[in-house]
Amino acid sequence: MTANPTSQGYEFEWEEVIDDKKKQKPAFKCMTTKGLILSGKKAEMVFEYIPESVGEHESRWLFKIPSENITQHFLVVGKVTEPNIMFESGKLKFGPLLISGHNKETVKIIN
């Protein structure tokens, strides 16, 4: 969320700084690459994070206000870990059953 405390509106834009050394698909995407923030108002800027591997991912961006000749560097970081999924109970008791009998139990999964 960005606020405009000035007495006039301004246009902004986001530009990704591409790293030529990294050949992988970027994990971050700016959904609000350009916009206008009116005087005294706020604007939401959305980044989408869709990683393809476990680990830490980072992306460098420039936030620009061209009319004021302002540029600010941003580092966006995300971290993905393997989920730790367990069953609430370590065993299930179906009770005595006849051959071809049926029973139903509910298993709760904890993440």
C-alpha atoms as a PDB file:
ATOM      1  CA  MET A   1       0.000   0.000   0.000  1.00  0.00           C
ATOM      2  CA  THR A   2       1.429   3.378  -0.976  1.00  0.00           C
ATOM      3  CA  ALA A   3       0.100   6.749   0.133  1.00  0.00           C
ATOM      4  CA  ASN A   4       0.414  10.063  -1.660  1.00  0.00           C
ATOM      5  CA  PRO A   5       0.828  12.843   0.943  1.00  0.00           C
ATOM      6  CA  THR A   6       1.477  15.540  -1.681  1.00  0.00           C
ATOM      7  CA  SER A   7      -1.008  18.081  -3.016  1.00  0.00           C
ATOM      8  CA  GLN A   8      -0.966  16.633  -6.526  1.00  0.00           C
ATOM      9  CA  GLY A   9      -1.457  13.198  -8.043  1.00  0.00           C
ATOM     10  CA  TYR A  10       1.340  11.297  -9.708  1.00  0.00           C
ATOM     11  CA  GLU A  11       1.797   8.290 -11.947  1.00  0.00           C
ATOM     12  CA  PHE A  12       4.049   5.427 -10.886  1.00  0.00           C
ATOM     13  CA  GLU A  13       5.554   2.392 -12.565  1.00  0.00           C
ATOM     14  CA  TRP A  14       7.372  -0.780 -11.521  1.00  0.00           C
ATOM     15  CA  GLU A  15      10.245  -2.152 -13.586  1.00  0.00           C
ATOM     16  CA  GLU A  16      11.926  -5.490 -12.932  1.00  0.00           C
ATOM     17  CA  VAL A  17      15.726  -5.469 -12.904  1.00  0.00           C
ATOM     18  CA  ILE A  18      16.665  -8.547 -14.936  1.00  0.00           C
ATOM     19  CA  ASP A  19      19.706 -10.539 -13.783  1.00  0.00           C
ATOM     20  CA  ASP A  20      21.439 -11.977 -16.865  1.00  0.00           C
ATOM     21  CA  LYS A  21      23.230 -14.593 -14.732  1.00  0.00           C
ATOM     22  CA  LYS A  22      19.981 -16.258 -13.628  1.00  0.00           C
ATOM     23  CA  LYS A  23      18.403 -18.276 -16.421  1.00  0.00           C
ATOM     24  CA  GLN A  24      15.413 -19.502 -14.384  1.00  0.00           C
ATOM     25  CA  LYS A  25      11.848 -18.287 -14.700  1.00  0.00           C
ATOM     26  CA  PRO A  26      11.159 -15.397 -12.283  1.00  0.00           C
ATOM     27  CA  ALA A  27       9.100 -16.350  -9.215  1.00  0.00           C
ATOM     28  CA  PHE A  28       7.662 -12.825  -8.810  1.00  0.00           C
ATOM     29  CA  LYS A  29       5.352 -10.923 -11.129  1.00  0.00           C
ATOM     30  CA  CYS A  30       4.087  -7.390 -10.586  1.00  0.00           C
ATOM     31  CA  MET A  31       0.342  -7.254 -11.183  1.00  0.00           C
ATOM     32  CA  THR A  32       0.246  -3.427 -10.866  1.00  0.00           C
ATOM     33  CA  THR A  33       3.041  -2.301 -13.187  1.00  0.00           C
ATOM     34  CA  LYS A  34       1.593   1.192 -13.709  1.00  0.00           C
ATOM     35  CA  GLY A  35      -0.937   3.371 -11.987  1.00  0.00           C
ATOM     36  CA  LEU A  36      -2.024   6.744 -10.654  1.00  0.00           C
ATOM     37  CA  ILE A  37      -2.157   7.815  -7.020  1.00  0.00           C
ATOM     38  CA  LEU A  38      -4.343  10.853  -6.459  1.00  0.00           C
ATOM     39  CA  SER A  39      -3.498  13.528  -3.898  1.00  0.00           C
ATOM     40  CA  GLY A  40      -4.098  12.350  -0.323  1.00  0.00           C
ATOM     41  CA  LYS A  41      -5.092   8.849  -1.487  1.00  0.00           C
ATOM     42  CA  LYS A  42      -3.595   5.365  -1.227  1.00  0.00           C
ATOM     43  CA  ALA A  43      -2.968   2.738  -3.878  1.00  0.00           C
ATOM     44  CA  GLU A  44      -2.428  -0.993  -3.525  1.00  0.00           C
ATOM     45  CA  MET A  45       0.382  -2.617  -5.490  1.00  0.00           C
ATOM     46  CA  VAL A  46       0.199  -6.375  -5.941  1.00  0.00           C
ATOM     47  CA  PHE A  47       3.042  -8.840  -6.526  1.00  0.00           C
ATOM     48  CA  GLU A  48       2.320 -12.472  -7.371  1.00  0.00           C
ATOM     49  CA  TYR A  49       4.673 -15.151  -6.026  1.00  0.00           C
ATOM     50  CA  ILE A  50       4.633 -18.462  -7.899  1.00  0.00           C
ATOM     51  CA  PRO A  51       7.862 -20.374  -7.217  1.00  0.00           C
ATOM     52  CA  GLU A  52       8.742 -23.562  -9.082  1.00  0.00           C
ATOM     53  CA  SER A  53      11.198 -24.922  -6.515  1.00  0.00           C
ATOM     54  CA  VAL A  54      11.789 -25.127  -2.779  1.00  0.00           C
ATOM     55  CA  GLY A  55      14.160 -22.515  -1.370  1.00  0.00           C
ATOM     56  CA  GLU A  56      14.601 -18.755  -1.181  1.00  0.00           C
ATOM     57  CA  HIS A  57      13.782 -16.589  -4.183  1.00  0.00           C
ATOM     58  CA  GLU A  58      14.501 -12.935  -4.737  1.00  0.00           C
ATOM     59  CA  SER A  59      13.753 -10.350  -7.370  1.00  0.00           C
ATOM     60  CA  ARG A  60      14.948  -6.775  -7.799  1.00  0.00           C
ATOM     61  CA  TRP A  61      12.544  -4.006  -8.843  1.00  0.00           C
ATOM     62  CA  LEU A  62      12.614  -0.274  -9.501  1.00  0.00           C
ATOM     63  CA  PHE A  63       9.721   1.884  -8.323  1.00  0.00           C
ATOM     64  CA  LYS A  64       9.583   5.030 -10.461  1.00  0.00           C
ATOM     65  CA  ILE A  65       7.688   8.303 -10.324  1.00  0.00           C
ATOM     66  CA  PRO A  66       8.725   9.788 -13.700  1.00  0.00           C
ATOM     67  CA  SER A  67       7.123  13.226 -13.206  1.00  0.00           C
ATOM     68  CA  GLU A  68       9.233  13.804 -10.070  1.00  0.00           C
ATOM     69  CA  ASN A  69      12.319  11.999 -11.419  1.00  0.00           C
ATOM     70  CA  ILE A  70      12.232   9.608  -8.417  1.00  0.00           C
ATOM     71  CA  THR A  71      13.559   6.038  -8.528  1.00  0.00           C
ATOM     72  CA  GLN A  72      13.669   3.650  -5.552  1.00  0.00           C
ATOM     73  CA  HIS A  73      15.210   0.159  -5.535  1.00  0.00           C
ATOM     74  CA  PHE A  74      13.275  -2.738  -3.975  1.00  0.00           C
ATOM     75  CA  LEU A  75      14.297  -6.303  -3.174  1.00  0.00           C
ATOM     76  CA  VAL A  76      11.369  -8.735  -3.012  1.00  0.00           C
ATOM     77  CA  VAL A  77      12.102 -12.037  -1.201  1.00  0.00           C
ATOM     78  CA  GLY A  78      10.043 -15.198  -0.776  1.00  0.00           C
ATOM     79  CA  LYS A  79      10.827 -18.513   0.885  1.00  0.00           C
ATOM     80  CA  VAL A  80       9.315 -21.936   0.213  1.00  0.00           C
ATOM     81  CA  THR A  81       9.716 -24.870   2.590  1.00  0.00           C
ATOM     82  CA  GLU A  82       8.486 -28.439   2.370  1.00  0.00           C
ATOM     83  CA  PRO A  83       5.222 -28.871   4.255  1.00  0.00           C
ATOM     84  CA  ASN A  84       5.264 -30.884   7.479  1.00  0.00           C
ATOM     85  CA  ILE A  85       2.090 -32.931   7.139  1.00  0.00           C
ATOM     86  CA  MET A  86       1.025 -35.432   9.814  1.00  0.00           C
ATOM     87  CA  PHE A  87      -2.006 -37.417  10.816  1.00  0.00           C
ATOM     88  CA  GLU A  88      -3.640 -36.345  14.068  1.00  0.00           C
ATOM     89  CA  SER A  89      -3.650 -39.959  15.246  1.00  0.00           C
ATOM     90  CA  GLY A  90      -0.921 -42.513  14.600  1.00  0.00           C
ATOM     91  CA  LYS A  91      -3.355 -45.436  14.272  1.00  0.00           C
ATOM     92  CA  LEU A  92      -6.923 -46.232  13.233  1.00  0.00           C
ATOM     93  CA  LYS A  93      -9.210 -48.804  14.816  1.00  0.00           C
ATOM     94  CA  PHE A  94     -11.925 -50.096  12.543  1.00  0.00           C
ATOM     95  CA  GLY A  95     -13.249 -52.532  15.156  1.00  0.00           C
ATOM     96  CA  PRO A  96     -14.407 -56.085  14.442  1.00  0.00           C
ATOM     97  CA  LEU A  97     -15.692 -56.567  10.891  1.00  0.00           C
ATOM     98  CA  LEU A  98     -17.199 -59.500   9.021  1.00  0.00           C
ATOM     99  CA  ILE A  99     -15.711 -60.501   5.702  1.00  0.00           C
ATOM    100  CA  SER A 100     -16.821 -57.976   3.038  1.00  0.00           C
ATOM    101  CA  GLY A 101     -17.916 -55.672   5.858  1.00  0.00           C
ATOM    102  CA  HIS A 102     -17.502 -51.927   5.620  1.00  0.00           C
ATOM    103  CA  ASN A 103     -16.554 -49.262   8.151  1.00  0.00           C
ATOM    104  CA  LYS A 104     -15.678 -45.620   7.905  1.00  0.00           C
ATOM    105  CA  GLU A 105     -13.270 -43.494   9.948  1.00  0.00           C
ATOM    106  CA  THR A 106     -12.284 -39.835   9.631  1.00  0.00           C
ATOM    107  CA  VAL A 107      -8.613 -38.909   9.515  1.00  0.00           C
ATOM    108  CA  LYS A 108      -7.527 -35.385  10.412  1.00  0.00           C
ATOM    109  CA  ILE A 109      -4.423 -34.030   8.684  1.00  0.00           C
ATOM    110  CA  ILE A 110      -2.234 -31.438  10.411  1.00  0.00           C
ATOM    111  CA  ASN A 111       0.023 -29.137   8.413  1.00  0.00           C
END
